N, C-alpha and C. Protein backbone atom coordinates (compact mmCIF):
# COMPACT_ATOMS: atom_id res chain seq x y z
N MET A 1 5.17 -35.22 6.48
CA MET A 1 6.18 -35.10 7.04
C MET A 1 6.27 -34.47 8.69
N GLY A 2 6.34 -35.48 9.83
CA GLY A 2 6.45 -34.72 10.81
C GLY A 2 7.53 -34.05 11.48
N ARG A 3 7.76 -33.16 12.39
CA ARG A 3 8.95 -32.79 12.81
C ARG A 3 9.75 -33.57 13.70
N LEU A 4 10.77 -33.13 13.42
CA LEU A 4 11.98 -34.26 14.04
C LEU A 4 12.13 -34.08 15.53
N LEU A 5 12.27 -34.97 16.37
CA LEU A 5 12.60 -34.73 17.89
C LEU A 5 13.96 -34.07 17.99
N GLY A 6 13.81 -32.78 18.75
CA GLY A 6 15.12 -31.97 18.95
C GLY A 6 15.25 -31.37 18.33
N HIS A 7 14.58 -31.10 16.71
CA HIS A 7 14.85 -29.83 15.72
C HIS A 7 14.77 -28.71 16.40
N ARG A 8 15.76 -27.91 15.77
CA ARG A 8 15.96 -26.26 16.18
C ARG A 8 16.08 -25.59 14.76
N ASP A 9 15.63 -24.65 14.94
CA ASP A 9 15.86 -23.68 13.83
C ASP A 9 17.31 -23.45 13.92
N THR A 10 17.91 -23.13 12.65
CA THR A 10 19.18 -22.86 12.54
C THR A 10 19.45 -21.13 12.72
N PRO A 11 20.38 -20.65 13.30
CA PRO A 11 20.52 -19.21 13.11
C PRO A 11 19.94 -18.49 12.11
N ARG A 12 20.03 -18.93 10.86
CA ARG A 12 19.61 -18.56 9.61
C ARG A 12 18.06 -18.23 9.45
N GLN A 13 17.28 -19.55 9.92
CA GLN A 13 15.92 -19.66 9.74
C GLN A 13 15.41 -18.50 11.02
N LYS A 14 16.14 -18.73 12.08
CA LYS A 14 15.43 -17.54 12.97
C LYS A 14 15.60 -16.46 12.74
N ALA A 15 16.61 -15.99 11.84
CA ALA A 15 16.98 -14.45 11.54
C ALA A 15 15.84 -14.23 10.35
N VAL A 16 15.58 -15.40 9.51
CA VAL A 16 14.40 -15.10 8.50
C VAL A 16 13.21 -14.85 9.19
N LYS A 17 12.93 -15.66 10.35
CA LYS A 17 11.44 -15.87 10.71
C LYS A 17 11.69 -14.22 11.62
N ARG A 18 12.52 -13.77 12.20
CA ARG A 18 12.16 -12.69 13.10
C ARG A 18 12.23 -11.38 12.11
N HIS A 19 13.08 -11.22 11.02
CA HIS A 19 12.74 -10.24 9.65
C HIS A 19 11.09 -10.30 9.31
N CYS A 20 10.71 -11.51 8.95
CA CYS A 20 9.35 -11.37 8.49
C CYS A 20 8.43 -11.20 9.53
N ASN A 21 8.49 -11.38 10.56
CA ASN A 21 7.63 -10.87 11.58
C ASN A 21 7.67 -9.64 11.96
N LYS A 22 8.86 -8.82 11.79
CA LYS A 22 9.04 -7.60 12.06
C LYS A 22 9.01 -6.62 11.15
N ASN A 23 9.28 -7.07 9.89
CA ASN A 23 8.94 -6.07 8.74
C ASN A 23 8.15 -5.99 8.08
N HIS A 24 7.41 -7.55 7.65
CA HIS A 24 6.41 -7.63 6.50
C HIS A 24 5.18 -6.93 7.44
N PRO A 25 4.73 -6.05 6.44
CA PRO A 25 3.39 -5.18 7.18
C PRO A 25 2.10 -6.26 7.12
N PHE A 26 2.08 -7.25 6.64
CA PHE A 26 0.84 -7.95 7.17
C PHE A 26 1.13 -9.25 7.89
N SER A 27 2.34 -9.54 8.56
CA SER A 27 2.67 -10.52 9.22
C SER A 27 1.58 -10.44 10.81
N GLY A 28 1.54 -11.83 11.23
CA GLY A 28 0.87 -12.04 12.52
C GLY A 28 1.28 -11.06 13.79
N THR A 29 2.77 -10.56 13.41
CA THR A 29 2.90 -9.87 14.78
C THR A 29 2.71 -8.25 14.74
N SER A 30 2.41 -7.74 13.57
CA SER A 30 2.34 -6.50 13.20
C SER A 30 1.14 -5.80 13.67
N LYS A 31 1.16 -4.44 13.66
CA LYS A 31 -0.15 -4.11 13.57
C LYS A 31 -1.21 -4.07 12.62
N TYR A 32 -0.44 -4.25 11.48
CA TYR A 32 -1.24 -4.16 9.91
C TYR A 32 -1.98 -5.51 10.18
N GLU A 33 -1.55 -6.35 10.86
CA GLU A 33 -2.38 -7.96 10.74
C GLU A 33 -3.59 -7.49 11.40
N LYS A 34 -3.48 -6.71 12.43
CA LYS A 34 -4.73 -6.75 13.01
C LYS A 34 -5.91 -6.16 12.61
N VAL A 35 -5.50 -4.56 11.74
CA VAL A 35 -6.17 -4.11 10.80
C VAL A 35 -6.82 -5.07 9.79
N PHE A 36 -5.73 -5.72 9.05
CA PHE A 36 -6.34 -6.71 8.31
C PHE A 36 -7.32 -7.34 7.74
N MET A 37 -7.06 -8.28 9.42
CA MET A 37 -8.28 -9.08 9.74
C MET A 37 -9.32 -8.67 10.27
N ALA A 38 -9.31 -7.52 11.06
CA ALA A 38 -10.44 -6.74 11.42
C ALA A 38 -11.27 -6.57 10.26
N GLY A 39 -10.88 -5.92 9.23
CA GLY A 39 -11.52 -5.46 8.37
C GLY A 39 -11.65 -6.59 7.08
N LYS A 40 -11.29 -7.30 7.01
CA LYS A 40 -11.32 -8.35 5.99
C LYS A 40 -12.80 -8.80 5.65
N SER A 41 -13.37 -8.66 4.70
CA SER A 41 -14.89 -8.78 4.29
C SER A 41 -14.81 -10.11 2.77
N GLY A 42 -14.88 -10.91 2.99
CA GLY A 42 -14.76 -11.72 1.75
C GLY A 42 -13.36 -12.01 0.91
N GLY A 43 -12.41 -11.83 1.85
CA GLY A 43 -10.99 -11.83 1.50
C GLY A 43 -10.71 -10.31 1.13
N LYS A 44 -11.37 -9.20 1.07
CA LYS A 44 -10.92 -7.99 0.87
C LYS A 44 -10.98 -7.01 2.01
N LEU A 45 -10.21 -5.83 1.87
CA LEU A 45 -10.24 -4.76 2.80
C LEU A 45 -11.51 -4.13 2.65
N ALA A 46 -12.10 -3.99 3.89
CA ALA A 46 -13.48 -3.12 3.73
C ALA A 46 -13.11 -1.45 4.01
N LEU A 47 -14.08 -0.73 3.35
CA LEU A 47 -13.75 1.09 3.87
C LEU A 47 -13.21 1.16 5.21
N GLU A 48 -13.62 0.49 5.93
CA GLU A 48 -13.40 1.12 7.55
C GLU A 48 -11.69 0.60 7.48
N ALA A 49 -11.27 -0.83 6.98
CA ALA A 49 -10.07 -1.49 7.38
C ALA A 49 -9.25 -0.68 6.82
N VAL A 50 -9.40 -0.29 5.64
CA VAL A 50 -8.61 0.79 4.59
C VAL A 50 -8.31 2.06 5.20
N LYS A 51 -9.14 2.95 5.96
CA LYS A 51 -9.26 3.96 6.46
C LYS A 51 -8.39 3.54 7.69
N ALA A 52 -8.28 2.70 8.38
CA ALA A 52 -7.58 2.55 9.65
C ALA A 52 -6.17 2.36 8.86
N LEU A 53 -5.78 1.28 7.93
CA LEU A 53 -4.55 1.07 7.40
C LEU A 53 -3.93 2.32 7.17
N VAL A 54 -4.58 3.51 6.58
CA VAL A 54 -4.25 4.58 5.72
C VAL A 54 -3.98 5.24 7.01
N ALA A 55 -4.61 5.37 7.93
CA ALA A 55 -4.54 6.06 9.24
C ALA A 55 -3.12 5.76 10.16
N GLN A 56 -2.79 4.46 9.99
CA GLN A 56 -1.38 3.99 10.85
C GLN A 56 -0.41 4.32 9.97
N ARG A 57 -0.44 4.21 8.60
CA ARG A 57 0.56 4.42 7.94
C ARG A 57 0.90 6.08 7.74
N VAL A 58 -0.01 6.93 7.35
CA VAL A 58 0.22 8.16 7.80
C VAL A 58 0.91 8.79 9.20
N ASN A 59 0.44 8.06 10.23
CA ASN A 59 0.94 8.38 11.44
C ASN A 59 2.24 7.73 12.04
N SER A 60 2.76 7.04 10.92
CA SER A 60 4.17 6.24 11.24
C SER A 60 5.09 7.40 10.88
N SER A 61 6.49 7.14 11.27
CA SER A 61 7.61 7.92 11.10
C SER A 61 8.21 7.81 9.47
N GLY A 62 7.37 6.90 8.51
CA GLY A 62 7.71 6.92 7.30
C GLY A 62 7.29 8.16 6.40
N PHE A 63 7.54 7.89 4.97
CA PHE A 63 7.37 9.12 4.28
C PHE A 63 5.98 9.50 4.15
N GLU A 64 5.32 8.35 4.32
CA GLU A 64 3.64 8.46 3.88
C GLU A 64 3.24 9.62 5.10
N SER A 65 3.93 10.17 6.03
CA SER A 65 3.66 10.89 7.05
C SER A 65 3.08 11.92 6.81
N ILE A 66 3.88 12.39 5.57
CA ILE A 66 3.35 13.87 4.93
C ILE A 66 2.22 13.97 4.38
N PHE A 67 1.15 12.76 4.39
CA PHE A 67 -0.28 12.75 3.96
C PHE A 67 -1.27 12.82 5.19
N LYS A 68 -0.91 13.20 6.29
CA LYS A 68 -1.68 13.27 7.53
C LYS A 68 -3.09 13.78 7.18
N GLN A 69 -3.27 14.67 6.29
CA GLN A 69 -4.60 15.23 6.03
C GLN A 69 -5.32 14.53 5.16
N MET A 70 -5.00 13.38 4.46
CA MET A 70 -5.78 12.79 3.55
C MET A 70 -6.66 12.05 4.22
N ASN A 71 -8.02 12.01 3.11
CA ASN A 71 -9.16 11.55 3.62
C ASN A 71 -9.68 10.55 2.80
N VAL A 72 -9.77 9.25 2.98
CA VAL A 72 -10.15 8.14 2.27
C VAL A 72 -11.85 8.27 2.03
N VAL A 73 -12.02 8.75 0.98
CA VAL A 73 -13.25 8.69 0.50
C VAL A 73 -14.17 7.56 0.33
N SER A 74 -13.76 6.70 -0.56
CA SER A 74 -14.14 5.23 -0.78
C SER A 74 -13.22 4.57 -1.13
N ALA A 75 -13.29 2.87 -0.95
CA ALA A 75 -12.27 1.90 -1.24
C ALA A 75 -13.42 0.67 -1.34
N SER A 76 -13.12 -0.16 -2.48
CA SER A 76 -13.82 -1.01 -2.41
C SER A 76 -13.62 -1.88 -3.87
N ASP A 77 -13.86 -3.18 -4.43
CA ASP A 77 -13.30 -3.83 -5.60
C ASP A 77 -12.30 -3.11 -6.46
N GLY A 78 -11.18 -3.21 -5.64
CA GLY A 78 -9.87 -2.46 -6.35
C GLY A 78 -9.83 -1.14 -6.81
N LYS A 79 -10.79 -0.48 -6.03
CA LYS A 79 -10.72 1.00 -6.55
C LYS A 79 -10.38 1.56 -4.90
N CYS A 80 -9.81 2.80 -4.73
CA CYS A 80 -9.76 3.71 -3.65
C CYS A 80 -9.74 4.99 -4.32
N CYS A 81 -10.57 6.04 -3.53
CA CYS A 81 -10.42 7.22 -3.92
C CYS A 81 -10.04 8.20 -2.56
N CYS A 82 -9.19 9.07 -2.65
CA CYS A 82 -8.91 9.78 -1.54
C CYS A 82 -8.96 11.26 -2.02
N GLU A 83 -9.09 12.24 -0.84
CA GLU A 83 -8.87 13.40 -0.94
C GLU A 83 -7.75 14.06 -0.16
N LEU A 84 -7.09 15.05 -0.74
CA LEU A 84 -5.88 15.76 0.13
C LEU A 84 -5.77 17.27 -0.11
N LYS A 85 -5.58 18.04 0.64
CA LYS A 85 -5.46 19.46 0.39
C LYS A 85 -4.02 20.04 0.28
N VAL A 86 -3.52 20.34 -0.54
CA VAL A 86 -1.94 20.53 -0.59
C VAL A 86 -1.45 21.32 0.56
N GLN A 87 -0.45 21.05 1.20
CA GLN A 87 0.57 21.58 2.05
C GLN A 87 1.43 22.29 1.70
N PRO A 88 1.93 23.34 2.62
CA PRO A 88 3.50 24.02 2.37
C PRO A 88 4.73 22.82 2.31
N ASN A 89 4.66 21.54 3.36
CA ASN A 89 5.84 20.66 2.93
C ASN A 89 5.69 19.82 1.95
N MET A 90 4.83 20.05 0.79
CA MET A 90 4.65 19.28 -0.47
C MET A 90 4.85 20.30 -1.46
N LEU A 91 5.54 21.06 -1.21
CA LEU A 91 5.91 22.11 -2.72
C LEU A 91 7.23 22.26 -2.99
N ASN A 92 7.15 22.46 -4.44
CA ASN A 92 8.76 22.38 -4.72
C ASN A 92 9.21 23.95 -4.75
N VAL A 93 10.11 24.34 -5.48
CA VAL A 93 10.51 25.84 -5.04
C VAL A 93 10.01 26.69 -5.96
N ALA A 94 9.09 26.56 -6.78
CA ALA A 94 7.93 27.00 -7.51
C ALA A 94 6.98 27.34 -7.03
N GLY A 95 6.76 26.87 -6.00
CA GLY A 95 5.32 26.58 -5.20
C GLY A 95 4.33 25.90 -5.69
N ASN A 96 4.50 24.80 -6.37
CA ASN A 96 3.60 24.25 -6.91
C ASN A 96 3.90 22.48 -6.20
N LEU A 97 3.04 21.42 -6.39
CA LEU A 97 3.05 20.37 -5.81
C LEU A 97 4.15 19.55 -6.46
N HIS A 98 5.21 19.00 -5.34
CA HIS A 98 6.44 18.59 -5.93
C HIS A 98 6.08 17.42 -6.58
N GLY A 99 7.03 17.03 -7.71
CA GLY A 99 6.51 15.76 -8.64
C GLY A 99 6.77 14.34 -7.91
N GLY A 100 7.65 14.38 -6.75
CA GLY A 100 8.00 13.33 -5.95
C GLY A 100 6.98 13.03 -5.12
N VAL A 101 6.02 14.20 -4.68
CA VAL A 101 5.08 14.03 -3.87
C VAL A 101 3.79 13.14 -4.56
N THR A 102 3.53 14.00 -6.07
CA THR A 102 2.48 13.36 -6.86
C THR A 102 2.89 11.81 -7.03
N ALA A 103 4.38 11.45 -7.21
CA ALA A 103 4.67 10.09 -7.55
C ALA A 103 4.47 9.11 -6.02
N ALA A 104 4.45 9.74 -4.95
CA ALA A 104 4.45 9.17 -3.69
C ALA A 104 3.02 8.91 -3.74
N LEU A 105 1.75 9.47 -4.26
CA LEU A 105 0.39 9.82 -4.11
C LEU A 105 -0.10 8.65 -4.90
N VAL A 106 0.65 8.72 -6.04
CA VAL A 106 0.22 7.32 -6.95
C VAL A 106 0.52 6.03 -6.45
N ASP A 107 2.11 5.84 -5.96
CA ASP A 107 2.40 4.78 -5.46
C ASP A 107 1.24 4.14 -3.89
N ALA A 108 0.94 5.41 -3.28
CA ALA A 108 0.12 4.93 -1.93
C ALA A 108 -1.11 4.73 -2.05
N VAL A 109 -1.84 5.37 -2.80
CA VAL A 109 -3.05 5.44 -3.09
C VAL A 109 -3.58 3.92 -4.13
N SER A 110 -2.75 3.79 -4.97
CA SER A 110 -2.85 2.86 -5.78
C SER A 110 -2.57 1.34 -5.14
N THR A 111 -1.54 1.49 -4.12
CA THR A 111 -1.48 0.16 -2.92
C THR A 111 -2.66 -0.05 -2.14
N TYR A 112 -3.34 1.13 -1.61
CA TYR A 112 -4.56 1.09 -0.92
C TYR A 112 -5.38 0.23 -1.80
N ALA A 113 -5.92 1.02 -3.03
CA ALA A 113 -6.84 0.34 -3.81
C ALA A 113 -6.57 -1.15 -4.09
N LEU A 114 -5.14 -1.49 -4.06
CA LEU A 114 -4.89 -3.12 -4.16
C LEU A 114 -5.32 -4.02 -3.44
N THR A 115 -5.23 -3.12 -1.95
CA THR A 115 -5.53 -4.02 -0.87
C THR A 115 -7.21 -4.35 -0.62
N THR A 116 -7.82 -4.11 -1.54
CA THR A 116 -9.35 -3.97 -1.77
C THR A 116 -9.77 -5.48 -2.59
N THR A 117 -8.69 -5.86 -3.33
CA THR A 117 -8.94 -7.06 -4.39
C THR A 117 -9.28 -8.37 -3.64
N GLY A 118 -8.90 -8.40 -2.41
CA GLY A 118 -8.92 -10.00 -2.08
C GLY A 118 -7.59 -10.71 -2.32
N GLN A 119 -6.49 -9.83 -2.77
CA GLN A 119 -5.01 -10.33 -2.75
C GLN A 119 -4.62 -10.52 -1.40
N GLY A 120 -4.80 -9.24 -1.08
CA GLY A 120 -4.46 -8.87 0.56
C GLY A 120 -2.83 -8.35 0.46
N ARG A 121 -2.23 -8.64 -0.09
CA ARG A 121 -0.92 -7.76 -0.13
C ARG A 121 -0.45 -6.61 -0.81
N PRO A 122 0.35 -5.83 0.15
CA PRO A 122 0.46 -4.46 -0.65
C PRO A 122 1.69 -4.67 -1.82
N GLY A 123 2.45 -5.47 -1.82
CA GLY A 123 3.27 -5.60 -2.81
C GLY A 123 4.43 -4.95 -2.56
N SER A 124 5.39 -4.91 -3.93
CA SER A 124 6.63 -4.13 -3.76
C SER A 124 6.52 -3.70 -5.39
N SER A 125 7.09 -2.51 -5.13
CA SER A 125 7.29 -1.66 -6.77
C SER A 125 7.68 -2.21 -7.53
N ILE A 126 7.67 -2.49 -9.10
CA ILE A 126 8.25 -3.00 -9.98
C ILE A 126 8.51 -1.62 -11.06
N GLU A 127 7.30 -1.06 -11.39
CA GLU A 127 7.24 0.10 -12.31
C GLU A 127 6.43 1.24 -11.80
N LEU A 128 6.69 2.39 -11.85
CA LEU A 128 6.03 3.66 -11.34
C LEU A 128 5.93 4.52 -12.45
N ASN A 129 5.17 5.19 -13.35
CA ASN A 129 5.08 5.95 -14.15
C ASN A 129 4.07 6.97 -14.04
N VAL A 130 4.31 8.11 -14.03
CA VAL A 130 3.62 9.45 -13.77
C VAL A 130 3.72 10.44 -15.09
N SER A 131 2.73 11.13 -15.38
CA SER A 131 2.74 12.14 -16.37
C SER A 131 2.27 13.33 -15.80
N TYR A 132 2.88 14.30 -15.60
CA TYR A 132 2.27 15.66 -14.95
C TYR A 132 2.02 16.35 -16.00
N LEU A 133 0.27 16.56 -15.82
CA LEU A 133 -0.40 17.74 -16.65
C LEU A 133 -0.39 18.98 -16.68
N ARG A 134 -0.85 19.48 -15.15
CA ARG A 134 -0.98 20.77 -14.81
C ARG A 134 -0.30 21.09 -13.54
N PRO A 135 0.20 22.45 -13.19
CA PRO A 135 0.76 22.36 -11.73
C PRO A 135 -0.62 22.38 -10.90
N ILE A 136 -0.30 22.21 -9.63
CA ILE A 136 -1.26 22.10 -8.34
C ILE A 136 -0.44 23.18 -7.46
N LYS A 137 -1.24 23.91 -6.82
CA LYS A 137 -0.84 25.15 -5.99
C LYS A 137 -1.09 24.48 -4.58
N LYS A 138 -0.51 25.24 -3.69
CA LYS A 138 -0.70 25.20 -2.21
C LYS A 138 -2.46 25.72 -1.97
N ASP A 139 -2.65 24.83 -0.92
CA ASP A 139 -4.09 24.75 -0.53
C ASP A 139 -5.25 24.50 -1.47
N ASP A 140 -4.81 23.75 -2.84
CA ASP A 140 -5.66 23.31 -3.72
C ASP A 140 -6.19 21.89 -3.19
N SER A 141 -7.20 21.58 -3.47
CA SER A 141 -7.56 20.25 -3.05
C SER A 141 -7.63 19.20 -3.80
N ILE A 142 -6.98 18.16 -3.95
CA ILE A 142 -7.01 17.22 -5.02
C ILE A 142 -7.72 15.73 -5.08
N VAL A 143 -8.46 15.23 -5.74
CA VAL A 143 -8.76 13.81 -5.34
C VAL A 143 -8.05 12.76 -6.49
N ILE A 144 -7.68 11.99 -5.64
CA ILE A 144 -6.94 11.18 -6.19
C ILE A 144 -7.42 9.36 -6.19
N SER A 145 -7.63 9.17 -7.15
CA SER A 145 -8.57 7.98 -7.69
C SER A 145 -7.85 6.71 -8.19
N ALA A 146 -7.55 5.64 -7.71
CA ALA A 146 -6.88 4.81 -8.12
C ALA A 146 -7.79 3.53 -8.30
N GLN A 147 -7.37 2.51 -9.47
CA GLN A 147 -8.10 1.36 -9.85
C GLN A 147 -7.34 0.32 -10.27
N THR A 148 -7.53 -0.93 -9.57
CA THR A 148 -6.76 -1.97 -9.98
C THR A 148 -7.28 -2.53 -11.45
N LEU A 149 -6.29 -2.53 -12.48
CA LEU A 149 -6.45 -2.94 -13.40
C LEU A 149 -6.70 -4.69 -13.68
N ARG A 150 -5.47 -4.91 -12.98
CA ARG A 150 -5.33 -6.72 -12.97
C ARG A 150 -4.53 -7.08 -11.72
N CYS A 151 -4.92 -7.90 -10.78
CA CYS A 151 -4.28 -8.51 -9.90
C CYS A 151 -4.06 -9.90 -9.99
N GLY A 152 -2.85 -10.45 -10.63
CA GLY A 152 -2.96 -11.80 -10.69
C GLY A 152 -2.20 -12.29 -9.02
N SER A 153 -1.56 -13.72 -9.33
CA SER A 153 -0.85 -14.50 -8.48
C SER A 153 0.37 -13.62 -8.16
N THR A 154 1.09 -13.14 -9.11
CA THR A 154 2.20 -12.24 -8.77
C THR A 154 2.64 -11.11 -8.92
N LEU A 155 1.87 -10.70 -10.22
CA LEU A 155 1.62 -9.00 -11.04
C LEU A 155 0.55 -8.49 -10.56
N ALA A 156 0.54 -7.09 -9.78
CA ALA A 156 -0.51 -6.20 -10.17
C ALA A 156 -0.38 -4.91 -10.91
N VAL A 157 -1.36 -4.61 -11.52
CA VAL A 157 -1.39 -3.14 -12.63
C VAL A 157 -2.47 -2.38 -12.07
N CYS A 158 -2.00 -1.10 -11.47
CA CYS A 158 -3.17 0.05 -11.14
C CYS A 158 -2.71 1.41 -11.81
N THR A 159 -3.68 2.08 -12.10
CA THR A 159 -3.68 3.26 -12.84
C THR A 159 -4.32 4.20 -11.56
N VAL A 160 -4.03 5.36 -11.76
CA VAL A 160 -4.28 6.50 -10.78
C VAL A 160 -4.50 7.78 -11.76
N ASP A 161 -5.58 8.38 -11.29
CA ASP A 161 -5.91 9.79 -11.67
C ASP A 161 -5.98 10.77 -10.62
N LEU A 162 -5.33 11.78 -10.75
CA LEU A 162 -5.37 13.01 -9.64
C LEU A 162 -5.87 13.90 -10.56
N THR A 163 -6.78 14.85 -9.69
CA THR A 163 -7.61 15.80 -10.63
C THR A 163 -7.83 16.89 -9.21
N ASN A 164 -8.05 17.93 -9.85
CA ASN A 164 -8.09 19.25 -8.93
C ASN A 164 -9.75 19.20 -8.54
N LYS A 165 -9.60 19.05 -7.48
CA LYS A 165 -11.38 19.32 -6.85
C LYS A 165 -12.21 19.87 -7.38
N SER A 166 -11.46 21.35 -7.33
CA SER A 166 -12.42 22.99 -7.71
C SER A 166 -12.97 22.63 -9.05
N ASN A 167 -12.12 22.21 -10.16
CA ASN A 167 -12.85 22.48 -11.51
C ASN A 167 -12.55 21.15 -12.25
N GLY A 168 -12.43 19.95 -11.47
CA GLY A 168 -12.33 18.67 -12.02
C GLY A 168 -11.28 18.22 -13.08
N GLN A 169 -10.15 19.34 -13.62
CA GLN A 169 -9.35 18.92 -14.37
C GLN A 169 -8.23 17.97 -14.01
N LEU A 170 -8.23 17.15 -14.94
CA LEU A 170 -6.92 16.12 -14.52
C LEU A 170 -5.51 16.85 -14.57
N VAL A 171 -4.78 16.60 -13.20
CA VAL A 171 -3.37 17.42 -13.11
C VAL A 171 -2.38 16.38 -13.43
N ALA A 172 -2.66 15.08 -12.93
CA ALA A 172 -1.63 14.05 -13.09
C ALA A 172 -2.21 12.63 -13.56
N HIS A 173 -1.79 11.98 -14.18
CA HIS A 173 -1.92 10.32 -14.27
C HIS A 173 -1.12 9.26 -14.18
N GLY A 174 -0.98 8.16 -13.47
CA GLY A 174 0.09 7.38 -13.05
C GLY A 174 -0.40 6.04 -13.33
N LYS A 175 0.54 5.50 -13.57
CA LYS A 175 0.56 3.57 -13.69
C LYS A 175 1.55 2.85 -12.88
N HIS A 176 1.00 2.17 -12.19
CA HIS A 176 1.80 1.31 -11.26
C HIS A 176 1.91 -0.15 -11.20
N CYS A 177 2.85 -0.67 -11.34
CA CYS A 177 2.94 -1.81 -11.63
C CYS A 177 3.83 -2.64 -10.10
N LYS A 178 3.22 -3.54 -9.62
CA LYS A 178 3.83 -4.10 -8.38
C LYS A 178 3.78 -5.70 -8.15
N TYR A 179 4.75 -6.28 -7.78
CA TYR A 179 4.92 -7.70 -7.30
C TYR A 179 4.03 -7.83 -6.22
N VAL A 180 2.86 -8.96 -6.08
CA VAL A 180 2.28 -9.31 -5.39
C VAL A 180 2.36 -10.67 -4.68
N GLY A 181 3.62 -11.38 -5.32
CA GLY A 181 3.61 -12.74 -4.93
C GLY A 181 4.06 -12.61 -3.75
N GLU A 182 4.45 -14.16 -3.03
CA GLU A 182 5.43 -14.20 -1.85
C GLU A 182 6.93 -14.24 -2.30
N THR A 183 7.52 -13.56 -1.19
CA THR A 183 8.81 -13.11 -1.13
C THR A 183 9.40 -14.92 -0.53
N LYS A 184 10.74 -14.99 -1.04
CA LYS A 184 11.37 -16.14 -0.83
C LYS A 184 11.55 -16.60 0.99
N ALA A 185 11.63 -14.89 1.48
CA ALA A 185 11.71 -14.96 3.05
C ALA A 185 10.10 -15.72 3.44
N GLN A 186 9.33 -15.26 3.07
CA GLN A 186 7.70 -15.68 3.12
C GLN A 186 7.82 -17.06 3.23
N ARG A 187 8.05 -17.70 1.86
CA ARG A 187 8.03 -18.84 1.54
C ARG A 187 8.88 -19.86 2.54
N LEU A 188 9.91 -19.28 3.16
CA LEU A 188 10.74 -20.15 4.21
C LEU A 188 9.93 -20.26 5.35
N VAL A 189 9.37 -19.17 5.89
CA VAL A 189 8.62 -19.15 7.37
C VAL A 189 7.37 -20.06 7.09
N GLN A 190 7.15 -20.11 5.68
CA GLN A 190 5.33 -20.61 5.53
C GLN A 190 5.89 -22.45 5.26
N LYS A 191 6.97 -22.43 4.69
CA LYS A 191 7.38 -24.15 5.02
C LYS A 191 7.66 -24.48 6.33
N LYS A 192 8.43 -23.88 6.88
CA LYS A 192 9.02 -24.29 8.31
C LYS A 192 7.52 -24.49 9.32
N ASP A 193 6.53 -23.41 9.07
CA ASP A 193 5.25 -23.50 9.87
C ASP A 193 4.51 -24.85 9.47
N THR A 194 4.54 -25.07 8.25
CA THR A 194 3.89 -26.36 7.67
C THR A 194 4.44 -27.36 8.54
N LEU A 195 5.55 -27.41 8.34
CA LEU A 195 6.54 -28.77 8.78
C LEU A 195 6.46 -28.71 10.03
N SER A 196 6.24 -27.42 10.89
CA SER A 196 6.18 -27.80 12.24
C SER A 196 4.30 -28.09 12.79
N ASP A 197 3.57 -27.80 11.98
CA ASP A 197 2.30 -28.32 12.13
C ASP A 197 1.99 -29.66 11.89
N SER A 198 2.97 -30.48 11.12
CA SER A 198 2.73 -32.04 10.84
C SER A 198 2.82 -32.73 11.94
């Protein structure tokens, strides 16, 4: 089906396209697209690309900026391992790593692992579950190991273990379920682009 002569996007279509281009982390106009495309290796993000992605996310003004000290140790085949030294701004009133920060680590590192599966989308969280097993103190170094159990066309499931680097003890365990299919807005833009290419 060819593009109609004189066809113009409706105001709604223009708004959807602007929103997708501006807000989707892997859209063609964002910084993430350049990182994603540069690091693509057989449809998967390579280690250096994951490191660049993490660097961009922690250097943004978003919540992940508290993880500026995080180091990506490895990332491939649906797995990602990071290390982090607990900072004072991550503590609760009792002087332990805050539970919300632990949950954010489960969310973030499982998402990084997911980018190495070949699916290429970070997805949107559906369910996040964290079991807190032992306290973590200021200046403790923790290892965050995420593994993608399954990544289908619409859903992905990851598990994450947080261990104390000095003694190897498991301090928290998390499970993260994400929607990785295309959103309605992405499908509209893709359909529009397909029609304009015809």
